[in-house]
Amino acid sequence: MNIVLVEKKLPSNPIVQIVQGDITTEDVDAIVNAANEHLQHGGGVARTISRQGGSAIQKESDAWIHQHGLVSHSHPAWTSGGRLPAKYVIHAVGPVWGDGDEDQKLSDAVTGSLRVADELKCSSIAMPAISTGIFGFPKNRAAEIIFSAIEEYLADNTSNLQVIKIILFDQPTVDVFLKSWNDM
């Protein structure tokens, strides 16, 4: 069972929440997958989403790559949610720590995910701590960038989004994100 730990209503009206739990069980319009540029969902959050959502997600991802080519940080791909409660999966390519310009790439991935959610007319979205797992991005730095990118996107754009959830699975990540949240 997912638990809302904190929430904040932003001046532009959407509610941002930190939730501890499993992103694949969230009943939102779209979830964000922390993907690689090839949309091969073999590890981490991507593997869990693909496994829970069924083979349709990988098949649609393969078709996306065939039609559009590799996915960039600023232009996420999207597929159906397959068997997930979410209607869509937005596949955001987060940076690998050490590849250079990681802060901007992470900000671009978050902003791009929110933009795609608006293009799909979503009112709710859930995203993980993009790049903080197997891609090695420091959690405290990622939390600050993710929160900042959300606030900047909503301040600069007219958005359909009413609820934005940051879904965190493990306690160490929850602790870091809550500390960053409280320092804002």
C-alpha atoms as a PDB file:
ATOM      1  CA  MET A   1       0.000   0.000   0.000  1.00  0.00           C
ATOM      2  CA  ASN A   2       1.365   3.405  -0.986  1.00  0.00           C
ATOM      3  CA  ILE A   3       1.509   6.095   1.688  1.00  0.00           C
ATOM      4  CA  VAL A   4       1.436   9.859   1.087  1.00  0.00           C
ATOM      5  CA  LEU A   5       4.133  11.239   3.382  1.00  0.00           C
ATOM      6  CA  VAL A   6       3.845  14.967   2.591  1.00  0.00           C
ATOM      7  CA  GLU A   7       2.063  17.165   0.106  1.00  0.00           C
ATOM      8  CA  LYS A   8       2.169  20.776  -0.936  1.00  0.00           C
ATOM      9  CA  LYS A   9      -0.240  22.823  -3.027  1.00  0.00           C
ATOM     10  CA  LEU A  10       1.713  25.030  -5.423  1.00  0.00           C
ATOM     11  CA  PRO A  11       0.649  28.589  -6.309  1.00  0.00           C
ATOM     12  CA  SER A  12      -0.340  27.376  -9.797  1.00  0.00           C
ATOM     13  CA  ASN A  13      -2.738  24.915  -8.052  1.00  0.00           C
ATOM     14  CA  PRO A  14      -1.352  21.398  -8.575  1.00  0.00           C
ATOM     15  CA  ILE A  15      -0.592  19.275  -5.532  1.00  0.00           C
ATOM     16  CA  VAL A  16       2.884  17.739  -5.293  1.00  0.00           C
ATOM     17  CA  GLN A  17       3.232  14.694  -3.049  1.00  0.00           C
ATOM     18  CA  ILE A  18       6.026  12.482  -1.794  1.00  0.00           C
ATOM     19  CA  VAL A  19       4.696   8.944  -1.619  1.00  0.00           C
ATOM     20  CA  GLN A  20       6.419   5.827  -0.325  1.00  0.00           C
ATOM     21  CA  GLY A  21       5.470   2.723  -2.223  1.00  0.00           C
ATOM     22  CA  ASP A  22       5.295   0.976  -5.574  1.00  0.00           C
ATOM     23  CA  ILE A  23       4.907   3.170  -8.663  1.00  0.00           C
ATOM     24  CA  THR A  24       3.278   0.303 -10.595  1.00  0.00           C
ATOM     25  CA  THR A  25       0.225   0.362  -8.297  1.00  0.00           C
ATOM     26  CA  GLU A  26      -0.455   4.100  -8.552  1.00  0.00           C
ATOM     27  CA  ASP A  27      -3.877   4.952  -9.961  1.00  0.00           C
ATOM     28  CA  VAL A  28      -2.783   7.975 -12.007  1.00  0.00           C
ATOM     29  CA  ASP A  29      -3.109   8.900 -15.667  1.00  0.00           C
ATOM     30  CA  ALA A  30       0.616   8.380 -16.299  1.00  0.00           C
ATOM     31  CA  ILE A  31       3.665   7.022 -14.547  1.00  0.00           C
ATOM     32  CA  VAL A  32       7.221   7.903 -15.464  1.00  0.00           C
ATOM     33  CA  ASN A  33       9.659   5.135 -16.199  1.00  0.00           C
ATOM     34  CA  ALA A  34      13.352   5.832 -15.564  1.00  0.00           C
ATOM     35  CA  ALA A  35      14.409   4.497 -18.950  1.00  0.00           C
ATOM     36  CA  ASN A  36      17.533   4.146 -21.071  1.00  0.00           C
ATOM     37  CA  GLU A  37      17.714   5.685 -24.542  1.00  0.00           C
ATOM     38  CA  HIS A  38      17.091   2.290 -26.198  1.00  0.00           C
ATOM     39  CA  LEU A  39      13.904   1.632 -24.139  1.00  0.00           C
ATOM     40  CA  GLN A  40      15.197  -1.778 -23.130  1.00  0.00           C
ATOM     41  CA  HIS A  41      13.520  -2.305 -19.780  1.00  0.00           C
ATOM     42  CA  GLY A  42      15.943  -4.791 -18.232  1.00  0.00           C
ATOM     43  CA  GLY A  43      16.784  -3.333 -14.838  1.00  0.00           C
ATOM     44  CA  GLY A  44      15.644  -1.189 -11.932  1.00  0.00           C
ATOM     45  CA  VAL A  45      12.321   0.642 -12.078  1.00  0.00           C
ATOM     46  CA  ALA A  46      12.051  -0.030 -15.824  1.00  0.00           C
ATOM     47  CA  ARG A  47      12.135  -3.791 -15.337  1.00  0.00           C
ATOM     48  CA  THR A  48       9.501  -3.620 -12.594  1.00  0.00           C
ATOM     49  CA  ILE A  49       7.189  -1.448 -14.715  1.00  0.00           C
ATOM     50  CA  SER A  50       7.622  -3.695 -17.765  1.00  0.00           C
ATOM     51  CA  ARG A  51       7.081  -6.867 -15.743  1.00  0.00           C
ATOM     52  CA  GLN A  52       3.948  -5.543 -14.000  1.00  0.00           C
ATOM     53  CA  GLY A  53       2.559  -3.872 -17.115  1.00  0.00           C
ATOM     54  CA  GLY A  54       3.096  -6.881 -19.352  1.00  0.00           C
ATOM     55  CA  SER A  55       4.714  -7.458 -22.719  1.00  0.00           C
ATOM     56  CA  ALA A  56       2.759  -4.651 -24.419  1.00  0.00           C
ATOM     57  CA  ILE A  57       5.055  -2.040 -22.837  1.00  0.00           C
ATOM     58  CA  GLN A  58       8.249  -3.533 -24.290  1.00  0.00           C
ATOM     59  CA  LYS A  59       6.565  -4.184 -27.671  1.00  0.00           C
ATOM     60  CA  GLU A  60       5.343  -0.578 -27.862  1.00  0.00           C
ATOM     61  CA  SER A  61       8.774   0.649 -26.732  1.00  0.00           C
ATOM     62  CA  ASP A  62      10.471  -1.341 -29.506  1.00  0.00           C
ATOM     63  CA  ALA A  63       8.017   0.130 -32.023  1.00  0.00           C
ATOM     64  CA  TRP A  64       8.750   3.655 -30.722  1.00  0.00           C
ATOM     65  CA  ILE A  65      12.495   3.163 -31.226  1.00  0.00           C
ATOM     66  CA  HIS A  66      11.906   1.726 -34.708  1.00  0.00           C
ATOM     67  CA  GLN A  67       9.776   4.742 -35.674  1.00  0.00           C
ATOM     68  CA  HIS A  68      11.528   7.604 -33.816  1.00  0.00           C
ATOM     69  CA  GLY A  69      15.049   6.413 -32.987  1.00  0.00           C
ATOM     70  CA  LEU A  70      16.795   6.741 -29.636  1.00  0.00           C
ATOM     71  CA  VAL A  71      15.064   8.674 -26.855  1.00  0.00           C
ATOM     72  CA  SER A  72      16.701  11.886 -25.600  1.00  0.00           C
ATOM     73  CA  HIS A  73      16.659  13.404 -22.113  1.00  0.00           C
ATOM     74  CA  SER A  74      14.393  16.279 -23.127  1.00  0.00           C
ATOM     75  CA  HIS A  75      11.956  14.313 -25.315  1.00  0.00           C
ATOM     76  CA  PRO A  76      10.615  11.249 -23.489  1.00  0.00           C
ATOM     77  CA  ALA A  77       8.790   8.474 -25.309  1.00  0.00           C
ATOM     78  CA  TRP A  78       5.436   7.136 -24.177  1.00  0.00           C
ATOM     79  CA  THR A  79       3.498   3.893 -24.388  1.00  0.00           C
ATOM     80  CA  SER A  80       0.292   2.527 -22.982  1.00  0.00           C
ATOM     81  CA  GLY A  81       0.313   1.321 -19.402  1.00  0.00           C
ATOM     82  CA  GLY A  82      -0.440  -2.239 -20.455  1.00  0.00           C
ATOM     83  CA  ARG A  83      -1.896  -3.998 -17.397  1.00  0.00           C
ATOM     84  CA  LEU A  84      -0.940  -1.174 -15.024  1.00  0.00           C
ATOM     85  CA  PRO A  85      -3.589   1.067 -13.426  1.00  0.00           C
ATOM     86  CA  ALA A  86      -1.950   4.014 -15.245  1.00  0.00           C
ATOM     87  CA  LYS A  87      -3.155   4.685 -18.773  1.00  0.00           C
ATOM     88  CA  TYR A  88       0.314   5.728 -19.980  1.00  0.00           C
ATOM     89  CA  VAL A  89       3.969   5.118 -19.229  1.00  0.00           C
ATOM     90  CA  ILE A  90       6.220   8.074 -20.042  1.00  0.00           C
ATOM     91  CA  HIS A  91       9.749   6.797 -20.640  1.00  0.00           C
ATOM     92  CA  ALA A  92      12.178   9.481 -19.417  1.00  0.00           C
ATOM     93  CA  VAL A  93      15.881   9.022 -20.044  1.00  0.00           C
ATOM     94  CA  GLY A  94      17.732  10.196 -16.994  1.00  0.00           C
ATOM     95  CA  PRO A  95      21.466  10.870 -16.969  1.00  0.00           C
ATOM     96  CA  VAL A  96      24.125   8.377 -15.986  1.00  0.00           C
ATOM     97  CA  TRP A  97      26.251   9.919 -13.256  1.00  0.00           C
ATOM     98  CA  GLY A  98      29.668  10.790 -14.679  1.00  0.00           C
ATOM     99  CA  ASP A  99      28.562  11.320 -18.295  1.00  0.00           C
ATOM    100  CA  GLY A 100      28.638  15.127 -17.991  1.00  0.00           C
ATOM    101  CA  ASP A 101      25.983  17.860 -17.684  1.00  0.00           C
ATOM    102  CA  GLU A 102      23.947  15.543 -15.446  1.00  0.00           C
ATOM    103  CA  ASP A 103      22.015  18.302 -13.648  1.00  0.00           C
ATOM    104  CA  GLN A 104      20.649  19.745 -16.887  1.00  0.00           C
ATOM    105  CA  LYS A 105      19.874  16.295 -18.301  1.00  0.00           C
ATOM    106  CA  LEU A 106      17.876  15.364 -15.182  1.00  0.00           C
ATOM    107  CA  SER A 107      16.000  18.662 -15.260  1.00  0.00           C
ATOM    108  CA  ASP A 108      15.264  18.082 -18.963  1.00  0.00           C
ATOM    109  CA  ALA A 109      13.964  14.558 -18.237  1.00  0.00           C
ATOM    110  CA  VAL A 110      11.564  15.837 -15.558  1.00  0.00           C
ATOM    111  CA  THR A 111      10.405  18.810 -17.650  1.00  0.00           C
ATOM    112  CA  GLY A 112       9.995  16.612 -20.717  1.00  0.00           C
ATOM    113  CA  SER A 113       7.907  14.116 -18.730  1.00  0.00           C
ATOM    114  CA  LEU A 114       5.573  16.852 -17.500  1.00  0.00           C
ATOM    115  CA  ARG A 115       5.282  18.257 -21.029  1.00  0.00           C
ATOM    116  CA  VAL A 116       4.380  14.812 -22.440  1.00  0.00           C
ATOM    117  CA  ALA A 117       1.811  14.344 -19.655  1.00  0.00           C
ATOM    118  CA  ASP A 118       0.217  17.634 -20.684  1.00  0.00           C
ATOM    119  CA  GLU A 119       0.286  16.640 -24.367  1.00  0.00           C
ATOM    120  CA  LEU A 120      -1.533  13.427 -23.376  1.00  0.00           C
ATOM    121  CA  LYS A 121      -4.043  15.532 -21.376  1.00  0.00           C
ATOM    122  CA  CYS A 122      -3.153  13.837 -18.078  1.00  0.00           C
ATOM    123  CA  SER A 123      -4.379  15.317 -14.818  1.00  0.00           C
ATOM    124  CA  SER A 124      -2.161  13.114 -12.629  1.00  0.00           C
ATOM    125  CA  ILE A 125       1.352  11.742 -12.909  1.00  0.00           C
ATOM    126  CA  ALA A 126       3.711   9.707 -10.726  1.00  0.00           C
ATOM    127  CA  MET A 127       7.479   9.668 -11.163  1.00  0.00           C
ATOM    128  CA  PRO A 128      10.326   7.869  -9.432  1.00  0.00           C
ATOM    129  CA  ALA A 129      13.625   9.344  -8.246  1.00  0.00           C
ATOM    130  CA  ILE A 130      14.943   9.323 -11.822  1.00  0.00           C
ATOM    131  CA  SER A 131      18.593   8.259 -12.227  1.00  0.00           C
ATOM    132  CA  THR A 132      19.225   7.667  -8.504  1.00  0.00           C
ATOM    133  CA  GLY A 133      19.329   3.883  -8.807  1.00  0.00           C
ATOM    134  CA  ILE A 134      21.529   2.050 -11.278  1.00  0.00           C
ATOM    135  CA  PHE A 135      22.470   5.344 -13.017  1.00  0.00           C
ATOM    136  CA  GLY A 136      24.170   6.527  -9.794  1.00  0.00           C
ATOM    137  CA  PHE A 137      22.889  10.111  -9.538  1.00  0.00           C
ATOM    138  CA  PRO A 138      23.328  11.374  -5.939  1.00  0.00           C
ATOM    139  CA  LYS A 139      19.919  11.280  -4.266  1.00  0.00           C
ATOM    140  CA  ASN A 140      20.153  14.645  -2.477  1.00  0.00           C
ATOM    141  CA  ARG A 141      21.157  16.442  -5.657  1.00  0.00           C
ATOM    142  CA  ALA A 142      18.442  14.662  -7.656  1.00  0.00           C
ATOM    143  CA  ALA A 143      15.760  15.621  -5.122  1.00  0.00           C
ATOM    144  CA  GLU A 144      16.624  19.308  -5.404  1.00  0.00           C
ATOM    145  CA  ILE A 145      16.652  19.185  -9.207  1.00  0.00           C
ATOM    146  CA  ILE A 146      13.403  17.221  -9.469  1.00  0.00           C
ATOM    147  CA  PHE A 147      11.537  19.568  -7.101  1.00  0.00           C
ATOM    148  CA  SER A 148      12.951  22.640  -8.840  1.00  0.00           C
ATOM    149  CA  ALA A 149      12.135  21.346 -12.338  1.00  0.00           C
ATOM    150  CA  ILE A 150       8.522  20.638 -11.298  1.00  0.00           C
ATOM    151  CA  GLU A 151       8.063  24.104  -9.786  1.00  0.00           C
ATOM    152  CA  GLU A 152       9.664  25.848 -12.783  1.00  0.00           C
ATOM    153  CA  TYR A 153       7.608  23.881 -15.306  1.00  0.00           C
ATOM    154  CA  LEU A 154       4.345  24.680 -13.527  1.00  0.00           C
ATOM    155  CA  ALA A 155       5.281  28.359 -13.127  1.00  0.00           C
ATOM    156  CA  ASP A 156       6.132  28.701 -16.839  1.00  0.00           C
ATOM    157  CA  ASN A 157       3.380  26.587 -18.455  1.00  0.00           C
ATOM    158  CA  THR A 158      -0.370  26.202 -18.429  1.00  0.00           C
ATOM    159  CA  SER A 159      -0.798  22.627 -17.263  1.00  0.00           C
ATOM    160  CA  ASN A 160      -3.608  20.087 -16.991  1.00  0.00           C
ATOM    161  CA  LEU A 161      -1.777  18.418 -14.113  1.00  0.00           C
ATOM    162  CA  GLN A 162      -3.568  18.529 -10.786  1.00  0.00           C
ATOM    163  CA  VAL A 163      -1.522  15.915  -8.904  1.00  0.00           C
ATOM    164  CA  ILE A 164       2.195  15.168  -9.248  1.00  0.00           C
ATOM    165  CA  LYS A 165       3.503  12.314  -7.135  1.00  0.00           C
ATOM    166  CA  ILE A 166       7.131  11.482  -6.442  1.00  0.00           C
ATOM    167  CA  ILE A 167       7.033   7.758  -5.685  1.00  0.00           C
ATOM    168  CA  LEU A 168       9.937   6.464  -3.613  1.00  0.00           C
ATOM    169  CA  PHE A 169      10.444   2.809  -2.817  1.00  0.00           C
ATOM    170  CA  ASP A 170      13.239   2.493  -0.258  1.00  0.00           C
ATOM    171  CA  GLN A 171      13.632   4.234   3.103  1.00  0.00           C
ATOM    172  CA  PRO A 172      17.070   5.795   2.401  1.00  0.00           C
ATOM    173  CA  THR A 173      15.682   7.551  -0.696  1.00  0.00           C
ATOM    174  CA  VAL A 174      12.568   8.635   1.218  1.00  0.00           C
ATOM    175  CA  ASP A 175      14.763  10.121   3.955  1.00  0.00           C
ATOM    176  CA  VAL A 176      16.875  12.118   1.495  1.00  0.00           C
ATOM    177  CA  PHE A 177      13.855  13.437  -0.444  1.00  0.00           C
ATOM    178  CA  LEU A 178      12.022  14.420   2.758  1.00  0.00           C
ATOM    179  CA  LYS A 179      15.086  16.319   3.986  1.00  0.00           C
ATOM    180  CA  SER A 180      15.346  18.161   0.666  1.00  0.00           C
ATOM    181  CA  TRP A 181      11.573  18.866   0.761  1.00  0.00           C
ATOM    182  CA  ASN A 182      11.855  20.337   4.262  1.00  0.00           C
ATOM    183  CA  ASP A 183      14.831  22.482   3.229  1.00  0.00           C
ATOM    184  CA  MET A 184      12.868  24.099   0.380  1.00  0.00           C
END
